[in-house]
Amino acid sequence: MGTQSGPALGQPVRYALVGLFNTALDWALYGLGVAWLPGLPDYQIKGASFLAGVLSSFCLNALWTFQKQYQQVGKSRRSRLLVIARFFAVSLVCLALNTATFALVFQGLGWGRPAALAIATGATFVCGFWLNRAWTFGSIDG
């Protein structure tokens, strides 16, 4: 089983594994921040832990999930910065989609938290994978 695109682990599976790891990282850093920085508001700690997850996500997705596409982007500074900017733009879109979907399902439809979390996560996974595969790590001139 290779690291590029072995038959056992397709891109969607690798993307999901990276997402699980980064969710755990986000939650762990949030927990540590709450314990170690009691004077900071929770939303600031959560913002920092989310950002750490996004940074980790970019590195792991570029080096593992979308390795072949990332290598084909080119080595110019402009190309690499464009990929990073696109990844963060997709992350913001996914954050908005996740928040809106959760609110719609939990508050709008009155379903429970587990259902809202599952539906919001599923919608975000599909959207994020598709946008990152097609746009972030897609063809870039430069």
C-alpha atoms as a PDB file:
ATOM      1  CA  MET A   1       0.000   0.000   0.000  1.00  0.00           C
ATOM      2  CA  GLY A   2       1.660   3.227  -1.174  1.00  0.00           C
ATOM      3  CA  THR A   3       1.292   6.718   0.173  1.00  0.00           C
ATOM      4  CA  GLN A   4       0.253   8.246  -3.135  1.00  0.00           C
ATOM      5  CA  SER A   5      -3.080   6.697  -4.013  1.00  0.00           C
ATOM      6  CA  GLY A   6      -2.978   3.049  -3.034  1.00  0.00           C
ATOM      7  CA  PRO A   7      -6.072   1.004  -3.818  1.00  0.00           C
ATOM      8  CA  ALA A   8      -6.887   0.369  -0.151  1.00  0.00           C
ATOM      9  CA  LEU A   9      -7.074   4.026   0.806  1.00  0.00           C
ATOM     10  CA  GLY A  10      -8.737   6.308  -1.701  1.00  0.00           C
ATOM     11  CA  GLN A  11      -8.724  10.059  -1.355  1.00  0.00           C
ATOM     12  CA  PRO A  12     -12.113  10.247   0.404  1.00  0.00           C
ATOM     13  CA  VAL A  13     -10.920   7.797   3.067  1.00  0.00           C
ATOM     14  CA  ARG A  14      -7.628   9.640   3.567  1.00  0.00           C
ATOM     15  CA  TYR A  15      -9.542  12.938   3.713  1.00  0.00           C
ATOM     16  CA  ALA A  16     -11.850  11.493   6.384  1.00  0.00           C
ATOM     17  CA  LEU A  17      -8.904  10.161   8.432  1.00  0.00           C
ATOM     18  CA  VAL A  18      -7.200  13.557   8.275  1.00  0.00           C
ATOM     19  CA  GLY A  19     -10.476  15.158   9.358  1.00  0.00           C
ATOM     20  CA  LEU A  20     -10.817  12.790  12.326  1.00  0.00           C
ATOM     21  CA  PHE A  21      -7.260  13.482  13.418  1.00  0.00           C
ATOM     22  CA  ASN A  22      -7.713  17.246  13.148  1.00  0.00           C
ATOM     23  CA  THR A  23     -11.021  17.149  15.011  1.00  0.00           C
ATOM     24  CA  ALA A  24      -9.279  15.287  17.842  1.00  0.00           C
ATOM     25  CA  LEU A  25      -6.431  17.820  17.745  1.00  0.00           C
ATOM     26  CA  ASP A  26      -8.908  20.716  17.846  1.00  0.00           C
ATOM     27  CA  TRP A  27     -10.800  19.248  20.794  1.00  0.00           C
ATOM     28  CA  ALA A  28      -7.622  18.330  22.687  1.00  0.00           C
ATOM     29  CA  LEU A  29      -6.125  21.803  22.269  1.00  0.00           C
ATOM     30  CA  TYR A  30      -9.417  23.360  23.303  1.00  0.00           C
ATOM     31  CA  GLY A  31      -9.487  21.216  26.461  1.00  0.00           C
ATOM     32  CA  LEU A  32      -5.885  22.069  27.287  1.00  0.00           C
ATOM     33  CA  GLY A  33      -6.536  25.752  26.650  1.00  0.00           C
ATOM     34  CA  VAL A  34      -9.532  25.795  28.975  1.00  0.00           C
ATOM     35  CA  ALA A  35      -7.490  24.032  31.678  1.00  0.00           C
ATOM     36  CA  TRP A  36      -4.297  26.049  31.295  1.00  0.00           C
ATOM     37  CA  LEU A  37      -5.673  29.490  30.349  1.00  0.00           C
ATOM     38  CA  PRO A  38      -8.661  30.010  32.637  1.00  0.00           C
ATOM     39  CA  GLY A  39      -8.675  33.780  32.090  1.00  0.00           C
ATOM     40  CA  LEU A  40      -9.304  33.567  28.343  1.00  0.00           C
ATOM     41  CA  PRO A  41     -12.861  33.401  27.024  1.00  0.00           C
ATOM     42  CA  ASP A  42     -13.852  30.011  25.614  1.00  0.00           C
ATOM     43  CA  TYR A  43     -14.536  31.404  22.131  1.00  0.00           C
ATOM     44  CA  GLN A  44     -10.947  32.687  21.856  1.00  0.00           C
ATOM     45  CA  ILE A  45      -9.542  29.333  22.924  1.00  0.00           C
ATOM     46  CA  LYS A  46     -11.880  27.565  20.486  1.00  0.00           C
ATOM     47  CA  GLY A  47     -10.848  29.899  17.680  1.00  0.00           C
ATOM     48  CA  ALA A  48      -7.180  29.157  18.303  1.00  0.00           C
ATOM     49  CA  SER A  49      -7.750  25.399  18.543  1.00  0.00           C
ATOM     50  CA  PHE A  50      -9.810  25.449  15.315  1.00  0.00           C
ATOM     51  CA  LEU A  51      -7.036  27.361  13.531  1.00  0.00           C
ATOM     52  CA  ALA A  52      -4.486  24.788  14.696  1.00  0.00           C
ATOM     53  CA  GLY A  53      -6.722  22.062  13.239  1.00  0.00           C
ATOM     54  CA  VAL A  54      -6.959  23.914   9.922  1.00  0.00           C
ATOM     55  CA  LEU A  55      -3.169  24.327   9.725  1.00  0.00           C
ATOM     56  CA  SER A  56      -2.662  20.651  10.483  1.00  0.00           C
ATOM     57  CA  SER A  57      -5.353  19.770   7.963  1.00  0.00           C
ATOM     58  CA  PHE A  58      -3.606  21.705   5.203  1.00  0.00           C
ATOM     59  CA  CYS A  59      -0.269  20.008   5.869  1.00  0.00           C
ATOM     60  CA  LEU A  60      -1.701  16.484   6.049  1.00  0.00           C
ATOM     61  CA  ASN A  61      -3.972  16.918   3.042  1.00  0.00           C
ATOM     62  CA  ALA A  62      -1.207  18.454   0.921  1.00  0.00           C
ATOM     63  CA  LEU A  63       1.324  15.788   1.873  1.00  0.00           C
ATOM     64  CA  TRP A  64      -0.957  12.725   1.951  1.00  0.00           C
ATOM     65  CA  THR A  65      -4.542  13.057   0.721  1.00  0.00           C
ATOM     66  CA  PHE A  66      -3.838  15.228  -2.333  1.00  0.00           C
ATOM     67  CA  GLN A  67      -0.102  14.538  -2.574  1.00  0.00           C
ATOM     68  CA  LYS A  68       0.003  13.954  -6.322  1.00  0.00           C
ATOM     69  CA  GLN A  69      -2.035  17.059  -7.126  1.00  0.00           C
ATOM     70  CA  TYR A  70       0.004  19.190  -4.711  1.00  0.00           C
ATOM     71  CA  GLN A  71       3.256  18.061  -6.320  1.00  0.00           C
ATOM     72  CA  GLN A  72       1.859  19.005  -9.735  1.00  0.00           C
ATOM     73  CA  VAL A  73       0.947  22.517  -8.586  1.00  0.00           C
ATOM     74  CA  GLY A  74       4.472  23.668  -9.164  1.00  0.00           C
ATOM     75  CA  LYS A  75       7.185  24.901  -6.914  1.00  0.00           C
ATOM     76  CA  SER A  76       6.810  28.630  -7.448  1.00  0.00           C
ATOM     77  CA  ARG A  77       6.069  30.695  -4.366  1.00  0.00           C
ATOM     78  CA  ARG A  78       3.001  32.177  -6.059  1.00  0.00           C
ATOM     79  CA  SER A  79       1.531  28.733  -6.788  1.00  0.00           C
ATOM     80  CA  ARG A  80       2.099  27.478  -3.251  1.00  0.00           C
ATOM     81  CA  LEU A  81       0.606  30.636  -1.700  1.00  0.00           C
ATOM     82  CA  LEU A  82      -2.420  30.351  -3.971  1.00  0.00           C
ATOM     83  CA  VAL A  83      -3.015  26.768  -2.803  1.00  0.00           C
ATOM     84  CA  ILE A  84      -2.761  27.871   0.837  1.00  0.00           C
ATOM     85  CA  ALA A  85      -5.151  30.787   0.260  1.00  0.00           C
ATOM     86  CA  ARG A  86      -7.624  28.500  -1.494  1.00  0.00           C
ATOM     87  CA  PHE A  87      -7.436  25.959   1.319  1.00  0.00           C
ATOM     88  CA  PHE A  88      -8.216  28.608   3.927  1.00  0.00           C
ATOM     89  CA  ALA A  89     -11.069  29.948   1.787  1.00  0.00           C
ATOM     90  CA  VAL A  90     -12.543  26.441   1.566  1.00  0.00           C
ATOM     91  CA  SER A  91     -12.093  26.069   5.332  1.00  0.00           C
ATOM     92  CA  LEU A  92     -14.109  29.253   5.896  1.00  0.00           C
ATOM     93  CA  VAL A  93     -16.848  28.043   3.537  1.00  0.00           C
ATOM     94  CA  CYS A  94     -16.938  24.726   5.417  1.00  0.00           C
ATOM     95  CA  LEU A  95     -17.072  26.480   8.778  1.00  0.00           C
ATOM     96  CA  ALA A  96     -20.049  28.550   7.588  1.00  0.00           C
ATOM     97  CA  LEU A  97     -21.775  25.497   6.083  1.00  0.00           C
ATOM     98  CA  ASN A  98     -21.195  23.441   9.228  1.00  0.00           C
ATOM     99  CA  THR A  99     -22.529  26.164  11.511  1.00  0.00           C
ATOM    100  CA  ALA A 100     -25.558  26.914   9.328  1.00  0.00           C
ATOM    101  CA  THR A 101     -26.436  23.245   8.844  1.00  0.00           C
ATOM    102  CA  PHE A 102     -26.129  22.550  12.551  1.00  0.00           C
ATOM    103  CA  ALA A 103     -28.345  25.533  13.388  1.00  0.00           C
ATOM    104  CA  LEU A 104     -30.944  24.543  10.785  1.00  0.00           C
ATOM    105  CA  VAL A 105     -31.169  20.931  11.935  1.00  0.00           C
ATOM    106  CA  PHE A 106     -30.863  21.540  15.690  1.00  0.00           C
ATOM    107  CA  GLN A 107     -32.768  24.787  16.132  1.00  0.00           C
ATOM    108  CA  GLY A 108     -34.835  24.997  12.963  1.00  0.00           C
ATOM    109  CA  LEU A 109     -36.012  21.408  12.721  1.00  0.00           C
ATOM    110  CA  GLY A 110     -35.753  20.704  16.443  1.00  0.00           C
ATOM    111  CA  TRP A 111     -33.764  17.516  15.990  1.00  0.00           C
ATOM    112  CA  GLY A 112     -31.272  16.443  18.645  1.00  0.00           C
ATOM    113  CA  ARG A 113     -27.607  17.397  18.857  1.00  0.00           C
ATOM    114  CA  PRO A 114     -26.305  14.019  17.610  1.00  0.00           C
ATOM    115  CA  ALA A 115     -28.416  14.242  14.435  1.00  0.00           C
ATOM    116  CA  ALA A 116     -27.446  17.865  13.882  1.00  0.00           C
ATOM    117  CA  LEU A 117     -23.748  17.076  14.388  1.00  0.00           C
ATOM    118  CA  ALA A 118     -23.898  14.080  12.034  1.00  0.00           C
ATOM    119  CA  ILE A 119     -25.736  15.942   9.261  1.00  0.00           C
ATOM    120  CA  ALA A 120     -23.568  19.062   9.566  1.00  0.00           C
ATOM    121  CA  THR A 121     -20.390  16.967   9.550  1.00  0.00           C
ATOM    122  CA  GLY A 122     -21.556  14.941   6.543  1.00  0.00           C
ATOM    123  CA  ALA A 123     -22.460  18.048   4.543  1.00  0.00           C
ATOM    124  CA  THR A 124     -19.157  19.668   5.428  1.00  0.00           C
ATOM    125  CA  PHE A 125     -17.178  16.543   4.519  1.00  0.00           C
ATOM    126  CA  VAL A 126     -18.739  16.321   1.038  1.00  0.00           C
ATOM    127  CA  CYS A 127     -18.390  20.040   0.356  1.00  0.00           C
ATOM    128  CA  GLY A 128     -14.829  20.278   1.700  1.00  0.00           C
ATOM    129  CA  PHE A 129     -13.583  17.202  -0.112  1.00  0.00           C
ATOM    130  CA  TRP A 130     -15.076  18.272  -3.423  1.00  0.00           C
ATOM    131  CA  LEU A 131     -13.863  21.886  -3.227  1.00  0.00           C
ATOM    132  CA  ASN A 132     -10.370  20.912  -2.092  1.00  0.00           C
ATOM    133  CA  ARG A 133     -10.007  18.228  -4.729  1.00  0.00           C
ATOM    134  CA  ALA A 134     -11.411  20.287  -7.608  1.00  0.00           C
ATOM    135  CA  TRP A 135     -10.231  23.785  -6.721  1.00  0.00           C
ATOM    136  CA  THR A 136      -7.633  23.983  -3.936  1.00  0.00           C
ATOM    137  CA  PHE A 137      -5.385  21.210  -5.232  1.00  0.00           C
ATOM    138  CA  GLY A 138      -6.619  21.417  -8.826  1.00  0.00           C
ATOM    139  CA  SER A 139      -4.761  22.927 -11.733  1.00  0.00           C
ATOM    140  CA  ILE A 140      -2.940  26.170 -10.969  1.00  0.00           C
ATOM    141  CA  ASP A 141      -1.063  28.111 -13.594  1.00  0.00           C
ATOM    142  CA  GLY A 142       2.228  29.491 -12.389  1.00  0.00           C
END
